[in-house]
């Protein structure tokens, strides 16, 4: 059994991790350590740096994830800066930016970085595609959730039961299976 610290303050991300790893020999525990984020438009570079920093500080294997919402019609904005733009913009602001825009597609690119203390991070990256609504849904965890329509759904994320979304993100993400396969093949 491998125990890994998932360094995140995001309870939603932690629930997805627990769901994705529930039938494995990997035990995930949440750690609320604040990590520095390098300024980059590459989610892998951000997650990789943070994972190595956290593994060295905690002296234990860690996972760190970073996500970017790349809105096609906004030239990829906000990308990996979603956490910060969500602090300044609400769902109405995002909708104003997309007013009269036909292409409402968004790529959600996420990197899961795994690192042992003193080693380089190993990154697992995947993408999911979705659309952005023209009207905001109920208040959610973040403003983008209020307009985010996951692939295969016809309503925004905040209108979909939480347990369904946790299952969706754990099952529709190849990064978790990539990580599980890596651990099976690279036991320390």
Protein backbone atom coordinates (compact mmCIF):
# COMPACT_ATOMS: atom_id res chain seq x y z
CA UNK A 1 0.00 0.00 0.00
CA UNK A 2 1.38 3.38 -1.04
CA UNK A 3 0.24 6.42 0.91
CA UNK A 4 0.39 9.68 -1.03
CA UNK A 5 -0.30 13.19 0.23
CA UNK A 6 -2.53 15.08 -2.16
CA UNK A 7 -1.55 18.69 -1.60
CA UNK A 8 -4.71 20.68 -2.19
CA UNK A 9 -7.07 22.91 -0.27
CA UNK A 10 -9.79 22.04 -2.77
CA UNK A 11 -12.11 19.51 -1.13
CA UNK A 12 -13.77 18.78 -4.50
CA UNK A 13 -10.42 17.77 -6.07
CA UNK A 14 -9.69 15.57 -3.05
CA UNK A 15 -13.06 13.81 -3.37
CA UNK A 16 -12.34 13.13 -7.05
CA UNK A 17 -8.93 11.68 -6.10
CA UNK A 18 -10.45 9.39 -3.47
CA UNK A 19 -13.05 8.19 -5.97
CA UNK A 20 -10.44 7.59 -8.69
CA UNK A 21 -8.13 5.64 -6.36
CA UNK A 22 -10.74 3.78 -4.27
CA UNK A 23 -10.13 0.31 -5.77
CA UNK A 24 -6.33 0.53 -5.83
CA UNK A 25 -3.42 -0.05 -3.46
CA UNK A 26 -2.91 3.71 -3.28
CA UNK A 27 -4.14 5.53 -0.20
CA UNK A 28 -4.55 9.26 -0.67
CA UNK A 29 -4.57 11.71 2.24
CA UNK A 30 -5.22 15.42 1.96
CA UNK A 31 -2.56 17.93 2.94
CA UNK A 32 -3.40 21.64 3.07
CA UNK A 33 0.17 22.88 2.56
CA UNK A 34 0.24 26.08 0.48
CA UNK A 35 2.70 25.66 -2.37
CA UNK A 36 4.33 28.37 -4.45
CA UNK A 37 3.10 28.54 -8.06
CA UNK A 38 5.49 29.40 -10.83
CA UNK A 39 4.05 31.82 -13.35
CA UNK A 40 3.56 29.81 -16.51
CA UNK A 41 0.87 29.09 -19.07
CA UNK A 42 1.81 25.38 -18.89
CA UNK A 43 -0.15 23.37 -16.27
CA UNK A 44 2.60 20.71 -16.24
CA UNK A 45 5.31 23.20 -15.35
CA UNK A 46 3.17 24.63 -12.53
CA UNK A 47 2.15 21.27 -11.04
CA UNK A 48 5.62 19.76 -11.43
CA UNK A 49 7.33 22.59 -9.56
CA UNK A 50 4.75 22.57 -6.76
CA UNK A 51 4.93 18.78 -6.36
CA UNK A 52 8.70 18.74 -6.03
CA UNK A 53 8.61 21.65 -3.59
CA UNK A 54 5.93 19.93 -1.46
CA UNK A 55 7.60 16.48 -1.52
CA UNK A 56 10.84 18.00 -0.29
CA UNK A 57 9.07 19.98 2.48
CA UNK A 58 6.86 17.10 3.64
CA UNK A 59 9.45 14.36 3.06
CA UNK A 60 6.75 12.09 1.65
CA UNK A 61 5.38 11.19 -1.80
CA UNK A 62 2.92 13.83 -2.99
CA UNK A 63 0.41 14.57 -5.70
CA UNK A 64 -0.32 18.09 -6.88
CA UNK A 65 -2.70 19.02 -9.66
CA UNK A 66 -3.07 22.12 -11.70
CA UNK A 67 -5.90 22.84 -14.08
CA UNK A 68 -6.41 25.34 -16.87
CA UNK A 69 -9.62 26.40 -18.60
CA UNK A 70 -8.65 27.36 -22.14
CA UNK A 71 -11.60 29.20 -23.72
CA UNK A 72 -11.10 28.99 -27.46
CA UNK A 73 -12.82 32.25 -28.43
CA UNK A 74 -10.80 34.13 -25.78
CA UNK A 75 -7.47 32.86 -27.18
CA UNK A 76 -7.10 30.39 -24.31
CA UNK A 77 -7.90 32.83 -21.51
CA UNK A 78 -7.82 32.28 -18.56
CA UNK A 79 -5.80 29.07 -18.99
CA UNK A 80 -4.01 28.01 -15.79
CA UNK A 81 -4.83 31.36 -14.20
CA UNK A 82 -8.43 30.23 -13.56
CA UNK A 83 -7.94 30.21 -9.78
CA UNK A 84 -6.92 33.86 -9.86
CA UNK A 85 -9.47 35.07 -12.40
CA UNK A 86 -12.22 33.41 -10.36
CA UNK A 87 -11.23 35.74 -7.51
CA UNK A 88 -11.86 38.80 -9.70
CA UNK A 89 -14.53 37.69 -12.16
CA UNK A 90 -17.97 36.30 -11.42
CA UNK A 91 -20.08 34.25 -13.83
CA UNK A 92 -21.75 37.40 -15.19
CA UNK A 93 -18.30 38.81 -16.03
CA UNK A 94 -17.37 35.66 -17.93
CA UNK A 95 -20.69 35.83 -19.80
CA UNK A 96 -20.02 39.47 -20.77
CA UNK A 97 -16.65 38.43 -22.19
CA UNK A 98 -18.45 35.82 -24.28
CA UNK A 99 -21.37 38.02 -25.33
CA UNK A 100 -22.22 37.50 -29.03
CA UNK A 101 -19.58 34.77 -29.32
CA UNK A 102 -20.68 31.70 -31.25
CA UNK A 103 -17.81 29.38 -30.28
CA UNK A 104 -18.27 28.67 -26.58
CA UNK A 105 -15.91 25.69 -26.43
CA UNK A 106 -13.43 25.29 -23.62
CA UNK A 107 -10.63 22.82 -23.09
CA UNK A 108 -10.00 21.79 -19.49
CA UNK A 109 -6.36 20.76 -19.35
CA UNK A 110 -5.19 19.22 -16.09
CA UNK A 111 -1.84 17.94 -14.91
CA UNK A 112 -1.44 15.56 -12.01
CA UNK A 113 2.18 15.68 -10.79
CA UNK A 114 3.60 12.94 -8.57
CA UNK A 115 6.87 13.32 -6.72
CA UNK A 116 9.01 11.48 -4.18
CA UNK A 117 11.28 13.64 -1.97
CA UNK A 118 14.54 14.51 -3.70
CA UNK A 119 13.36 13.32 -7.11
CA UNK A 120 11.91 14.91 -10.24
CA UNK A 121 8.14 15.10 -10.64
CA UNK A 122 6.35 12.77 -13.03
CA UNK A 123 3.42 14.40 -14.84
CA UNK A 124 0.18 12.90 -16.10
CA UNK A 125 -1.82 15.24 -18.34
CA UNK A 126 -5.23 15.00 -19.92
CA UNK A 127 -7.85 17.22 -21.48
CA UNK A 128 -11.62 17.31 -21.39
CA UNK A 129 -13.75 19.46 -23.63
CA UNK A 130 -16.91 21.31 -22.74
CA UNK A 131 -18.98 24.33 -23.62
CA UNK A 132 -19.90 27.46 -21.74
CA UNK A 133 -23.54 28.37 -21.19
CA UNK A 134 -25.21 31.61 -22.21
CA UNK A 135 -26.97 31.91 -18.83
CA UNK A 136 -25.39 31.23 -15.44
CA UNK A 137 -26.68 28.45 -13.23
CA UNK A 138 -26.89 28.39 -9.45
CA UNK A 139 -23.98 29.62 -7.34
CA UNK A 140 -21.19 27.06 -7.21
CA UNK A 141 -17.74 26.35 -5.87
CA UNK A 142 -16.33 28.82 -8.42
CA UNK A 143 -17.80 31.24 -10.98
CA UNK A 144 -16.68 29.11 -13.94
CA UNK A 145 -18.69 26.14 -12.55
CA UNK A 146 -21.84 28.25 -12.92
CA UNK A 147 -21.45 28.40 -16.73
CA UNK A 148 -19.50 25.17 -17.38
CA UNK A 149 -21.43 22.47 -19.28
CA UNK A 150 -19.44 19.19 -19.14
CA UNK A 151 -19.32 17.03 -22.27
CA UNK A 152 -22.29 14.67 -22.28
CA UNK A 153 -24.50 16.98 -20.21
CA UNK A 154 -27.00 19.66 -21.20
CA UNK A 155 -26.84 21.76 -18.05
CA UNK A 156 -24.19 23.60 -16.08
CA UNK A 157 -22.07 21.85 -13.50
CA UNK A 158 -23.82 23.56 -10.56
CA UNK A 159 -27.14 22.01 -11.66
CA UNK A 160 -25.69 18.49 -11.65
CA UNK A 161 -25.62 16.59 -8.33
CA UNK A 162 -22.21 16.79 -6.68
CA UNK A 163 -21.71 13.01 -6.43
CA UNK A 164 -22.35 12.67 -10.18
CA UNK A 165 -19.71 15.30 -10.94
CA UNK A 166 -17.17 13.65 -8.60
CA UNK A 167 -17.74 10.38 -10.48
CA UNK A 168 -17.60 12.21 -13.85
CA UNK A 169 -14.22 13.83 -13.11
CA UNK A 170 -12.74 10.61 -11.70
CA UNK A 171 -13.91 8.44 -14.63
CA UNK A 172 -13.55 10.87 -17.55
CA UNK A 173 -9.98 11.72 -16.80
CA UNK A 174 -7.13 9.62 -18.14
CA UNK A 175 -4.61 11.20 -15.76
CA UNK A 176 -5.79 9.03 -12.86
CA UNK A 177 -5.39 5.81 -14.84
CA UNK A 178 -1.98 7.03 -16.08
CA UNK A 179 -0.95 7.58 -12.45
CA UNK A 180 -2.24 4.18 -11.30
CA UNK A 181 -0.38 2.43 -14.14
CA UNK A 182 2.79 4.34 -13.31
CA UNK A 183 2.64 3.26 -9.65
CA UNK A 184 2.04 -0.39 -10.64
CA UNK A 185 5.18 -0.28 -12.81
CA UNK A 186 7.45 1.88 -10.62
CA UNK A 187 7.10 0.81 -7.00
CA UNK A 188 9.85 2.24 -4.81
